[in-house]
């Protein structure tokens, strides 16, 4: 986004969980989206649309669909060794609940469930993190 906004004289400012994570390097603040604040004139809006972003009905939020769903494809493609390594590291990173939630989606999708939209995956991930840190 910076590469598209900077030539227009716009400097996006990262805020929210990702900003806190950057400055603290604490996994407690790790997030799965990047919140930025910036002016979005028509020229930038057009460039974002060309990049595949869609503007929400509220006019404030932009999303790039498809990318969070990659986690499901990545999990499906892991070897047994890679999967075991991920299982071993997950508790230390406090993402065991999230990993289990993402893995549970695989069989559901194979049985016909539609691929979750980006916002649905964020909700699943947030609920899993809440359970992990409870």
N, C-alpha and C. Protein backbone atom coordinates (compact mmCIF):
# COMPACT_ATOMS: atom_id res chain seq x y z
N UNK A 1 0.82 -1.17 0.00
CA UNK A 1 0.00 0.00 0.00
C UNK A 1 0.88 1.25 0.00
N UNK A 2 1.95 1.20 0.75
CA UNK A 2 2.88 2.34 0.80
C UNK A 2 3.39 2.69 -0.59
N UNK A 3 3.71 1.67 -1.39
CA UNK A 3 4.23 1.91 -2.74
C UNK A 3 3.22 2.63 -3.62
N UNK A 4 1.94 2.42 -3.38
CA UNK A 4 0.90 3.08 -4.16
C UNK A 4 0.60 4.46 -3.60
N UNK A 5 0.59 4.59 -2.28
CA UNK A 5 0.23 5.85 -1.64
C UNK A 5 1.35 6.89 -1.67
N UNK A 6 2.59 6.47 -1.48
CA UNK A 6 3.71 7.41 -1.39
C UNK A 6 3.85 8.32 -2.61
N UNK A 7 3.76 7.81 -3.84
CA UNK A 7 3.86 8.71 -4.99
C UNK A 7 2.75 9.77 -5.04
N UNK A 8 1.66 9.54 -4.31
CA UNK A 8 0.57 10.51 -4.26
C UNK A 8 0.73 11.47 -3.08
N UNK A 9 1.86 11.35 -2.37
CA UNK A 9 2.11 12.21 -1.23
C UNK A 9 1.37 11.78 0.03
N UNK A 10 0.91 10.55 0.07
CA UNK A 10 0.15 10.04 1.22
C UNK A 10 1.01 9.04 1.98
N UNK A 11 1.08 9.22 3.28
CA UNK A 11 1.88 8.32 4.11
C UNK A 11 0.96 7.55 5.07
N UNK A 12 0.73 6.27 4.79
CA UNK A 12 -0.10 5.47 5.69
C UNK A 12 0.57 5.33 7.06
N UNK A 13 -0.22 5.38 8.11
CA UNK A 13 0.28 5.22 9.47
C UNK A 13 -0.30 3.93 10.04
N UNK A 14 0.58 3.01 10.42
CA UNK A 14 0.14 1.74 11.00
C UNK A 14 -0.30 2.01 12.44
N UNK A 15 -1.51 1.54 12.77
CA UNK A 15 -2.07 1.72 14.11
C UNK A 15 -2.60 0.38 14.60
N UNK A 16 -3.11 0.35 15.79
CA UNK A 16 -3.74 -0.87 16.30
C UNK A 16 -2.74 -1.92 16.74
N UNK A 17 -3.22 -3.16 16.71
CA UNK A 17 -2.43 -4.28 17.22
C UNK A 17 -1.08 -4.45 16.56
N UNK A 18 -1.02 -4.25 15.24
CA UNK A 18 0.26 -4.43 14.55
C UNK A 18 1.28 -3.38 15.01
N UNK A 19 0.83 -2.16 15.25
CA UNK A 19 1.73 -1.12 15.74
C UNK A 19 2.25 -1.48 17.14
N UNK A 20 1.36 -1.95 18.00
CA UNK A 20 1.77 -2.35 19.34
C UNK A 20 2.74 -3.52 19.26
N UNK A 21 2.44 -4.49 18.41
CA UNK A 21 3.33 -5.64 18.24
C UNK A 21 4.72 -5.19 17.78
N UNK A 22 4.74 -4.26 16.81
CA UNK A 22 6.02 -3.77 16.29
C UNK A 22 6.86 -3.15 17.40
N UNK A 23 6.25 -2.31 18.21
CA UNK A 23 7.01 -1.59 19.23
C UNK A 23 7.32 -2.42 20.46
N UNK A 24 6.52 -3.42 20.76
CA UNK A 24 6.76 -4.23 21.96
C UNK A 24 7.40 -5.57 21.65
N UNK A 25 7.25 -6.05 20.42
CA UNK A 25 7.72 -7.39 20.03
C UNK A 25 7.13 -8.46 20.94
N UNK A 26 5.94 -8.19 21.47
CA UNK A 26 5.26 -9.13 22.36
C UNK A 26 4.20 -9.89 21.57
N UNK A 27 4.27 -11.21 21.64
CA UNK A 27 3.29 -12.04 20.95
C UNK A 27 1.88 -11.82 21.45
N UNK A 28 1.74 -11.24 22.63
CA UNK A 28 0.41 -10.96 23.17
C UNK A 28 -0.35 -9.98 22.28
N UNK A 29 0.37 -9.21 21.47
CA UNK A 29 -0.27 -8.21 20.61
C UNK A 29 -0.26 -8.60 19.14
N UNK A 30 0.18 -9.81 18.84
CA UNK A 30 0.21 -10.25 17.45
C UNK A 30 -1.19 -10.24 16.88
N UNK A 31 -1.33 -9.70 15.68
CA UNK A 31 -2.64 -9.56 15.05
C UNK A 31 -2.58 -10.15 13.65
N UNK A 32 -3.72 -10.28 13.02
CA UNK A 32 -3.78 -10.92 11.72
C UNK A 32 -4.25 -9.98 10.63
N UNK A 33 -4.33 -8.73 10.99
CA UNK A 33 -4.62 -7.72 9.98
C UNK A 33 -3.75 -6.51 10.27
N UNK A 34 -3.69 -5.63 9.34
CA UNK A 34 -2.89 -4.42 9.50
C UNK A 34 -3.83 -3.23 9.37
N UNK A 35 -3.95 -2.48 10.45
CA UNK A 35 -4.79 -1.30 10.45
C UNK A 35 -3.92 -0.09 10.11
N UNK A 36 -4.35 0.66 9.12
CA UNK A 36 -3.66 1.88 8.75
C UNK A 36 -4.66 3.03 8.69
N UNK A 37 -4.16 4.21 8.98
CA UNK A 37 -4.95 5.41 8.86
C UNK A 37 -4.28 6.26 7.79
N UNK A 38 -5.09 6.73 6.84
CA UNK A 38 -4.55 7.58 5.79
C UNK A 38 -5.69 8.22 5.02
N UNK A 39 -5.38 9.28 4.36
CA UNK A 39 -6.32 9.92 3.46
C UNK A 39 -6.47 9.02 2.24
N UNK A 40 -7.67 8.91 1.70
CA UNK A 40 -7.90 8.07 0.51
C UNK A 40 -8.62 8.91 -0.55
N UNK A 41 -7.84 9.74 -1.26
CA UNK A 41 -8.46 10.50 -2.35
C UNK A 41 -8.83 9.55 -3.51
N UNK A 42 -9.59 10.05 -4.43
CA UNK A 42 -10.08 9.23 -5.54
C UNK A 42 -8.96 8.51 -6.28
N UNK A 43 -7.82 9.18 -6.49
CA UNK A 43 -6.70 8.53 -7.21
C UNK A 43 -6.20 7.30 -6.46
N UNK A 44 -6.10 7.42 -5.15
CA UNK A 44 -5.65 6.28 -4.36
C UNK A 44 -6.73 5.20 -4.32
N UNK A 45 -7.99 5.59 -4.20
CA UNK A 45 -9.08 4.62 -4.20
C UNK A 45 -9.05 3.80 -5.49
N UNK A 46 -8.84 4.46 -6.61
CA UNK A 46 -8.76 3.75 -7.89
C UNK A 46 -7.58 2.78 -7.92
N UNK A 47 -6.45 3.21 -7.39
CA UNK A 47 -5.26 2.34 -7.36
C UNK A 47 -5.51 1.13 -6.47
N UNK A 48 -6.17 1.32 -5.32
CA UNK A 48 -6.46 0.20 -4.42
C UNK A 48 -7.39 -0.81 -5.08
N UNK A 49 -8.39 -0.31 -5.80
CA UNK A 49 -9.30 -1.21 -6.52
C UNK A 49 -8.53 -2.02 -7.56
N UNK A 50 -7.60 -1.38 -8.26
CA UNK A 50 -6.80 -2.09 -9.26
C UNK A 50 -5.93 -3.17 -8.62
N UNK A 51 -5.54 -2.97 -7.38
CA UNK A 51 -4.74 -3.97 -6.66
C UNK A 51 -5.60 -5.10 -6.10
N UNK A 52 -6.92 -4.97 -6.17
CA UNK A 52 -7.80 -6.03 -5.69
C UNK A 52 -8.50 -5.73 -4.38
N UNK A 53 -8.25 -4.56 -3.79
CA UNK A 53 -8.93 -4.19 -2.55
C UNK A 53 -10.38 -3.84 -2.84
N UNK A 54 -11.24 -4.09 -1.87
CA UNK A 54 -12.63 -3.67 -1.98
C UNK A 54 -12.96 -2.77 -0.80
N UNK A 55 -13.76 -1.76 -1.08
CA UNK A 55 -14.15 -0.79 -0.06
C UNK A 55 -15.45 -1.25 0.59
N UNK A 56 -15.47 -1.27 1.91
CA UNK A 56 -16.66 -1.66 2.65
C UNK A 56 -17.75 -0.61 2.50
N UNK A 57 -18.96 -1.01 2.79
CA UNK A 57 -20.11 -0.11 2.67
C UNK A 57 -19.96 1.14 3.54
N UNK A 58 -19.24 1.01 4.66
CA UNK A 58 -19.07 2.18 5.53
C UNK A 58 -18.13 3.22 4.94
N UNK A 59 -17.43 2.85 3.86
CA UNK A 59 -16.52 3.78 3.19
C UNK A 59 -15.18 3.96 3.87
N UNK A 60 -15.02 3.43 5.07
CA UNK A 60 -13.79 3.61 5.84
C UNK A 60 -12.83 2.44 5.71
N UNK A 61 -13.35 1.26 5.52
CA UNK A 61 -12.54 0.05 5.55
C UNK A 61 -12.32 -0.52 4.16
N UNK A 62 -11.10 -0.99 3.95
CA UNK A 62 -10.72 -1.65 2.70
C UNK A 62 -10.21 -3.04 3.07
N UNK A 63 -10.55 -4.03 2.28
CA UNK A 63 -10.06 -5.39 2.53
C UNK A 63 -9.48 -5.97 1.26
N UNK A 64 -8.56 -6.87 1.45
CA UNK A 64 -7.96 -7.61 0.34
C UNK A 64 -8.31 -9.06 0.57
N UNK A 65 -9.39 -9.49 -0.04
CA UNK A 65 -9.89 -10.85 0.17
C UNK A 65 -8.93 -11.89 -0.40
N UNK A 66 -9.03 -13.07 0.13
CA UNK A 66 -8.27 -14.19 -0.41
C UNK A 66 -6.99 -14.50 0.33
N UNK A 67 -6.36 -13.51 0.91
CA UNK A 67 -5.07 -13.77 1.52
C UNK A 67 -5.15 -14.51 2.85
N UNK A 68 -6.06 -14.17 3.77
CA UNK A 68 -6.12 -14.96 5.01
C UNK A 68 -6.47 -16.43 4.77
N UNK A 69 -7.21 -16.71 3.67
CA UNK A 69 -7.58 -18.09 3.40
C UNK A 69 -6.36 -18.95 3.05
N UNK A 70 -5.25 -18.32 2.75
CA UNK A 70 -4.05 -19.09 2.41
C UNK A 70 -3.60 -19.99 3.54
N UNK A 71 -3.92 -19.63 4.77
CA UNK A 71 -3.52 -20.46 5.89
C UNK A 71 -4.09 -21.86 5.75
N UNK A 72 -5.31 -21.97 5.22
CA UNK A 72 -5.93 -23.28 5.08
C UNK A 72 -5.19 -24.13 4.05
N UNK A 73 -4.78 -23.51 2.96
CA UNK A 73 -4.02 -24.24 1.94
C UNK A 73 -2.64 -24.62 2.48
N UNK A 74 -2.03 -23.74 3.24
CA UNK A 74 -0.72 -24.04 3.81
C UNK A 74 -0.80 -25.22 4.79
N UNK A 75 -1.81 -25.21 5.64
CA UNK A 75 -1.95 -26.32 6.59
C UNK A 75 -2.18 -27.64 5.87
N UNK A 76 -2.96 -27.59 4.81
CA UNK A 76 -3.26 -28.80 4.06
C UNK A 76 -2.03 -29.37 3.38
N UNK A 77 -1.07 -28.51 3.05
CA UNK A 77 0.11 -28.95 2.32
C UNK A 77 1.31 -29.32 3.18
N UNK A 78 1.16 -29.30 4.49
CA UNK A 78 2.28 -29.62 5.37
C UNK A 78 2.58 -31.11 5.37
N UNK A 79 3.85 -31.43 5.43
CA UNK A 79 4.25 -32.82 5.61
C UNK A 79 3.98 -33.20 7.06
N UNK A 80 4.06 -34.49 7.38
CA UNK A 80 3.85 -34.93 8.76
C UNK A 80 4.88 -34.29 9.69
N UNK A 81 6.13 -34.21 9.22
CA UNK A 81 7.21 -33.61 10.03
C UNK A 81 6.93 -32.13 10.27
N UNK A 82 6.53 -31.42 9.23
CA UNK A 82 6.23 -29.99 9.38
C UNK A 82 5.03 -29.77 10.30
N UNK A 83 4.05 -30.62 10.18
CA UNK A 83 2.87 -30.53 11.04
C UNK A 83 3.24 -30.78 12.50
N UNK A 84 4.09 -31.76 12.74
CA UNK A 84 4.53 -32.06 14.10
C UNK A 84 5.34 -30.89 14.67
N UNK A 85 6.18 -30.29 13.83
CA UNK A 85 6.96 -29.14 14.27
C UNK A 85 6.05 -27.97 14.64
N UNK A 86 5.04 -27.75 13.82
CA UNK A 86 4.08 -26.69 14.09
C UNK A 86 3.34 -26.96 15.40
N UNK A 87 2.94 -28.20 15.62
CA UNK A 87 2.27 -28.57 16.87
C UNK A 87 3.17 -28.31 18.08
N UNK A 88 4.46 -28.58 17.93
CA UNK A 88 5.40 -28.38 19.04
C UNK A 88 5.62 -26.89 19.33
N UNK A 89 5.61 -26.06 18.30
CA UNK A 89 5.87 -24.63 18.49
C UNK A 89 4.62 -23.85 18.91
N UNK A 90 3.45 -24.33 18.56
CA UNK A 90 2.21 -23.59 18.81
C UNK A 90 2.00 -23.20 20.27
N UNK A 91 2.21 -24.10 21.24
CA UNK A 91 1.99 -23.70 22.64
C UNK A 91 2.91 -22.57 23.08
N UNK A 92 4.16 -22.58 22.64
CA UNK A 92 5.08 -21.52 23.03
C UNK A 92 4.65 -20.16 22.47
N UNK A 93 4.01 -20.17 21.31
CA UNK A 93 3.54 -18.93 20.67
C UNK A 93 2.10 -18.60 21.08
N UNK A 94 1.51 -19.48 21.89
CA UNK A 94 0.13 -19.34 22.37
C UNK A 94 -0.87 -19.23 21.22
N UNK A 95 -0.70 -20.14 20.25
CA UNK A 95 -1.62 -20.19 19.11
C UNK A 95 -2.20 -21.60 18.91
N UNK A 96 -2.14 -22.44 19.93
CA UNK A 96 -2.65 -23.80 19.81
C UNK A 96 -4.14 -23.82 19.48
N UNK A 97 -4.92 -22.98 20.16
CA UNK A 97 -6.37 -22.92 19.91
C UNK A 97 -6.66 -22.47 18.48
N UNK A 98 -5.90 -21.49 18.01
CA UNK A 98 -6.11 -20.99 16.66
C UNK A 98 -5.74 -22.05 15.63
N UNK A 99 -4.64 -22.74 15.86
CA UNK A 99 -4.23 -23.81 14.96
C UNK A 99 -5.31 -24.89 14.90
N UNK A 100 -5.84 -25.27 16.03
CA UNK A 100 -6.90 -26.28 16.06
C UNK A 100 -8.14 -25.79 15.32
N UNK A 101 -8.49 -24.52 15.49
CA UNK A 101 -9.67 -23.97 14.82
C UNK A 101 -9.47 -23.96 13.30
N UNK A 102 -8.27 -23.59 12.85
CA UNK A 102 -8.01 -23.56 11.41
C UNK A 102 -7.99 -24.98 10.84
N UNK A 103 -7.41 -25.91 11.59
CA UNK A 103 -7.38 -27.30 11.13
C UNK A 103 -8.79 -27.89 11.04
N UNK A 104 -9.66 -27.49 11.94
CA UNK A 104 -11.03 -28.01 11.94
C UNK A 104 -11.80 -27.57 10.70
N UNK A 105 -11.40 -26.47 10.11
CA UNK A 105 -12.09 -25.98 8.91
C UNK A 105 -11.84 -26.87 7.69
N UNK A 106 -10.67 -27.51 7.63
CA UNK A 106 -10.32 -28.34 6.48
C UNK A 106 -11.37 -29.39 6.15
N UNK A 107 -11.71 -30.26 7.09
CA UNK A 107 -12.73 -31.28 6.82
C UNK A 107 -14.11 -30.67 6.50
N UNK A 108 -14.43 -29.55 7.17
CA UNK A 108 -15.72 -28.90 6.90
C UNK A 108 -15.79 -28.42 5.45
N UNK A 109 -14.70 -27.86 4.96
CA UNK A 109 -14.66 -27.37 3.58
C UNK A 109 -14.71 -28.55 2.62
N UNK A 110 -14.02 -29.64 2.97
CA UNK A 110 -14.05 -30.84 2.13
C UNK A 110 -15.46 -31.42 2.04
N UNK A 111 -16.26 -31.20 3.09
CA UNK A 111 -17.64 -31.70 3.10
C UNK A 111 -18.63 -30.71 2.49
N UNK A 112 -18.13 -29.61 1.93
CA UNK A 112 -19.02 -28.70 1.22
C UNK A 112 -19.20 -27.32 1.81
N UNK A 113 -18.65 -27.07 2.99
CA UNK A 113 -18.75 -25.72 3.55
C UNK A 113 -18.01 -24.76 2.64
N UNK A 114 -18.58 -23.59 2.43
CA UNK A 114 -17.91 -22.57 1.62
C UNK A 114 -16.65 -22.09 2.33
N UNK A 115 -15.67 -21.70 1.54
CA UNK A 115 -14.44 -21.14 2.10
C UNK A 115 -14.80 -19.89 2.91
N UNK A 116 -14.38 -19.81 4.16
CA UNK A 116 -14.72 -18.64 4.96
C UNK A 116 -14.14 -17.37 4.34
N UNK A 117 -14.91 -16.30 4.42
CA UNK A 117 -14.43 -15.00 3.98
C UNK A 117 -13.39 -14.51 4.97
N UNK A 118 -12.65 -13.53 4.56
CA UNK A 118 -11.59 -12.96 5.39
C UNK A 118 -12.09 -12.58 6.77
N UNK A 119 -13.20 -11.86 6.83
CA UNK A 119 -13.71 -11.41 8.14
C UNK A 119 -14.12 -12.58 9.01
N UNK A 120 -14.62 -13.68 8.41
CA UNK A 120 -14.99 -14.86 9.19
C UNK A 120 -13.75 -15.50 9.80
N UNK A 121 -12.68 -15.58 9.02
CA UNK A 121 -11.44 -16.15 9.55
C UNK A 121 -10.89 -15.29 10.69
N UNK A 122 -11.00 -13.99 10.55
CA UNK A 122 -10.56 -13.10 11.62
C UNK A 122 -11.37 -13.34 12.89
N UNK A 123 -12.68 -13.53 12.74
CA UNK A 123 -13.53 -13.80 13.90
C UNK A 123 -13.16 -15.13 14.56
N UNK A 124 -12.92 -16.16 13.75
CA UNK A 124 -12.51 -17.46 14.27
C UNK A 124 -11.18 -17.33 15.00
N UNK A 125 -10.24 -16.62 14.38
CA UNK A 125 -8.92 -16.45 14.98
C UNK A 125 -9.00 -15.67 16.28
N UNK A 126 -9.80 -14.61 16.30
CA UNK A 126 -9.92 -13.79 17.51
C UNK A 126 -10.54 -14.62 18.65
N UNK A 127 -11.57 -15.41 18.34
CA UNK A 127 -12.18 -16.26 19.37
C UNK A 127 -11.17 -17.27 19.90
N UNK A 128 -10.37 -17.83 19.01
CA UNK A 128 -9.35 -18.79 19.43
C UNK A 128 -8.29 -18.13 20.29
N UNK A 129 -7.88 -16.93 19.94
CA UNK A 129 -6.90 -16.22 20.75
C UNK A 129 -7.48 -15.87 22.12
N UNK A 130 -8.74 -15.45 22.14
CA UNK A 130 -9.38 -15.16 23.42
C UNK A 130 -9.36 -16.39 24.31
N UNK A 131 -9.66 -17.57 23.73
CA UNK A 131 -9.64 -18.82 24.49
C UNK A 131 -8.22 -19.16 24.95
N UNK A 132 -7.25 -18.89 24.10
CA UNK A 132 -5.85 -19.19 24.42
C UNK A 132 -5.36 -18.35 25.61
N UNK A 133 -5.77 -17.10 25.64
CA UNK A 133 -5.29 -16.19 26.67
C UNK A 133 -6.21 -16.09 27.88
N UNK A 134 -7.31 -16.87 27.86
CA UNK A 134 -8.25 -16.82 28.99
C UNK A 134 -7.69 -17.55 30.19
